[in-house]
Amino acid sequence: MRFHYNFQKVVDLKSNEKTQAEWMLSSALGELQAQEKSLDELLEQRSTLLLELQNAAEHRTPMAKIREMQNYVEYLDHCISRKHSDINRAHAEVQVKKDQLSTKMLDEKVWLKARDKALAIFQQDMILREQNELDEMATVRFAMKSL
């Protein structure tokens, strides 16, 4: 006799939901990394531009060019500020996905434990049946020898 768990489809569903939650977390982490990389690039651009601005101020560059560079630095500052907001949102999204994954993992674990418990009960029942059959065979042999 083979073990058949009546709620195996539920266990499979919970496992699939956990896998989906893992993918979603992975996607959110990828987005966070992309946002952080973008921020690093903006900071590098700003740093380079500030060095160029300092160089331009030391070498008698026209005021219009200096003002243009300053405006671009201000634009980069604005972009950096927005990028920090994007990163904060991405961090929040990662946390939400972690919480969802944790919930899915717990849910799957509950169903797996229920299946394991049902399997243990099934195995115990099979052992008991085998023992009863062996006891019956021993009783029949004893009765046959007695005759």
Protein backbone atom coordinates (compact mmCIF):
# COMPACT_ATOMS: atom_id res chain seq x y z
CA MET A 1 0.00 0.00 0.00
CA ARG A 2 1.37 3.41 -0.97
CA PHE A 3 1.06 6.64 0.96
CA HIS A 4 -1.23 9.19 -0.68
CA TYR A 5 -1.62 12.59 0.97
CA ASN A 6 -5.05 14.04 0.28
CA PHE A 7 -3.80 17.62 0.44
CA GLN A 8 -0.71 17.15 -1.77
CA LYS A 9 -2.02 19.71 -4.27
CA VAL A 10 -2.20 22.27 -1.46
CA VAL A 11 1.38 21.45 -0.48
CA ASP A 12 2.45 21.88 -4.11
CA LEU A 13 0.57 25.17 -4.34
CA LYS A 14 2.24 26.48 -1.18
CA SER A 15 5.62 25.45 -2.55
CA ASN A 16 4.91 27.27 -5.83
CA GLU A 17 3.78 30.36 -3.94
CA LYS A 18 7.04 30.31 -1.97
CA THR A 19 9.03 30.00 -5.19
CA GLN A 20 7.12 32.93 -6.68
CA ALA A 21 7.81 34.99 -3.55
CA GLU A 22 11.52 34.16 -3.90
CA TRP A 23 11.46 35.39 -7.51
CA MET A 24 9.67 38.57 -6.49
CA LEU A 25 12.25 39.22 -3.77
CA SER A 26 15.04 38.57 -6.25
CA SER A 27 13.46 41.03 -8.67
CA ALA A 28 13.10 43.67 -5.94
CA LEU A 29 16.74 43.18 -4.94
CA GLY A 30 17.79 43.54 -8.57
CA GLU A 31 15.84 46.80 -8.82
CA LEU A 32 17.46 48.07 -5.61
CA GLN A 33 20.92 47.25 -6.94
CA ALA A 34 20.14 49.01 -10.22
CA GLN A 35 18.98 52.12 -8.34
CA GLU A 36 22.12 52.09 -6.17
CA LYS A 37 24.33 51.69 -9.24
CA SER A 38 22.54 54.60 -10.88
CA LEU A 39 23.12 56.71 -7.77
CA ASP A 40 26.81 55.83 -7.80
CA GLU A 41 27.04 56.94 -11.43
CA LEU A 42 25.31 60.24 -10.64
CA LEU A 43 27.64 60.86 -7.71
CA GLU A 44 30.63 60.10 -9.90
CA GLN A 45 29.36 62.51 -12.57
CA ARG A 46 28.84 65.20 -9.93
CA SER A 47 32.31 64.68 -8.49
CA THR A 48 33.90 64.86 -11.94
CA LEU A 49 31.92 67.98 -12.82
CA LEU A 50 32.93 69.70 -9.57
CA LEU A 51 36.58 69.05 -10.39
CA GLU A 52 36.04 70.47 -13.87
CA LEU A 53 34.28 73.48 -12.36
CA GLN A 54 37.15 74.10 -9.98
CA ASN A 55 39.59 73.77 -12.87
CA ALA A 56 37.53 76.17 -14.98
CA ALA A 57 37.48 78.76 -12.19
CA GLU A 58 41.27 78.60 -11.92
CA HIS A 59 41.84 79.02 -15.68
CA ARG A 60 39.81 82.12 -16.54
CA THR A 61 36.88 80.33 -18.14
CA PRO A 62 34.01 82.56 -19.31
CA MET A 63 31.38 83.21 -16.66
CA ALA A 64 28.61 81.78 -18.91
CA LYS A 65 30.45 78.44 -19.07
CA ILE A 66 30.97 78.40 -15.29
CA ARG A 67 27.30 79.26 -14.74
CA GLU A 68 26.29 76.47 -17.13
CA MET A 69 28.42 73.99 -15.18
CA GLN A 70 26.91 75.19 -11.89
CA ASN A 71 23.42 74.71 -13.30
CA TYR A 72 24.32 71.19 -14.34
CA VAL A 73 25.66 70.48 -10.82
CA GLU A 74 22.33 71.70 -9.42
CA TYR A 75 20.50 69.44 -11.88
CA LEU A 76 22.66 66.49 -10.77
CA ASP A 77 21.92 67.35 -7.13
CA HIS A 78 18.21 67.23 -7.94
CA CYS A 79 18.66 63.88 -9.72
CA ILE A 80 20.63 62.53 -6.76
CA SER A 81 17.87 63.63 -4.39
CA ARG A 82 15.25 61.84 -6.51
CA LYS A 83 17.48 58.78 -6.72
CA HIS A 84 17.70 58.67 -2.91
CA SER A 85 13.87 58.64 -2.85
CA ASP A 86 13.85 55.84 -5.43
CA ILE A 87 16.33 53.87 -3.34
CA ASN A 88 14.21 54.34 -0.21
CA ARG A 89 11.17 53.06 -2.11
CA ALA A 90 13.20 50.12 -3.41
CA HIS A 91 14.35 49.31 0.15
CA ALA A 92 10.73 49.39 1.32
CA GLU A 93 9.72 47.12 -1.57
CA VAL A 94 12.51 44.67 -0.68
CA GLN A 95 11.28 44.61 2.92
CA VAL A 96 7.71 43.95 1.78
CA LYS A 97 8.91 41.10 -0.45
CA LYS A 98 10.99 39.66 2.41
CA ASP A 99 7.94 39.72 4.66
CA GLN A 100 5.83 38.05 1.98
CA LEU A 101 8.49 35.38 1.45
CA SER A 102 8.68 34.77 5.19
CA THR A 103 4.91 34.31 5.31
CA LYS A 104 4.96 31.94 2.33
CA MET A 105 7.81 29.93 3.83
CA LEU A 106 5.94 29.58 7.11
CA ASP A 107 2.76 28.58 5.29
CA GLU A 108 4.63 25.94 3.28
CA LYS A 109 6.33 24.65 6.42
CA VAL A 110 2.96 24.19 8.16
CA TRP A 111 1.64 22.12 5.24
CA LEU A 112 4.84 20.09 4.97
CA LYS A 113 4.66 19.28 8.69
CA ALA A 114 1.03 18.24 8.27
CA ARG A 115 2.05 15.94 5.40
CA ASP A 116 4.94 14.52 7.43
CA LYS A 117 2.60 13.90 10.35
CA ALA A 118 0.12 12.13 8.04
CA LEU A 119 2.99 10.03 6.64
CA ALA A 120 4.12 9.08 10.14
CA ILE A 121 0.57 8.06 11.04
CA PHE A 122 0.33 6.04 7.81
CA GLN A 123 3.64 4.29 8.50
CA GLN A 124 2.62 3.53 12.08
CA ASP A 125 -0.68 2.14 10.80
CA MET A 126 1.16 -0.05 8.26
CA ILE A 127 3.49 -1.37 10.98
CA LEU A 128 0.48 -2.14 13.15
CA ARG A 129 -1.26 -3.98 10.29
CA GLU A 130 1.87 -6.02 9.57
CA GLN A 131 2.21 -6.86 13.25
CA ASN A 132 -1.44 -7.93 13.41
CA GLU A 133 -0.98 -10.13 10.32
CA LEU A 134 2.13 -11.71 11.84
CA ASP A 135 0.29 -12.27 15.13
CA GLU A 136 -2.60 -13.89 13.25
CA MET A 137 -0.21 -16.14 11.33
CA ALA A 138 1.50 -17.15 14.58
CA THR A 139 -1.89 -17.89 16.16
CA VAL A 140 -2.92 -20.05 13.18
CA ARG A 141 0.38 -21.98 13.33
CA PHE A 142 0.03 -22.52 17.03
CA ALA A 143 -3.55 -23.70 16.55
CA MET A 144 -2.45 -26.04 13.75
CA LYS A 145 0.31 -27.56 15.91
CA SER A 146 -2.12 -28.03 18.76
CA LEU A 147 -4.38 -30.20 16.67
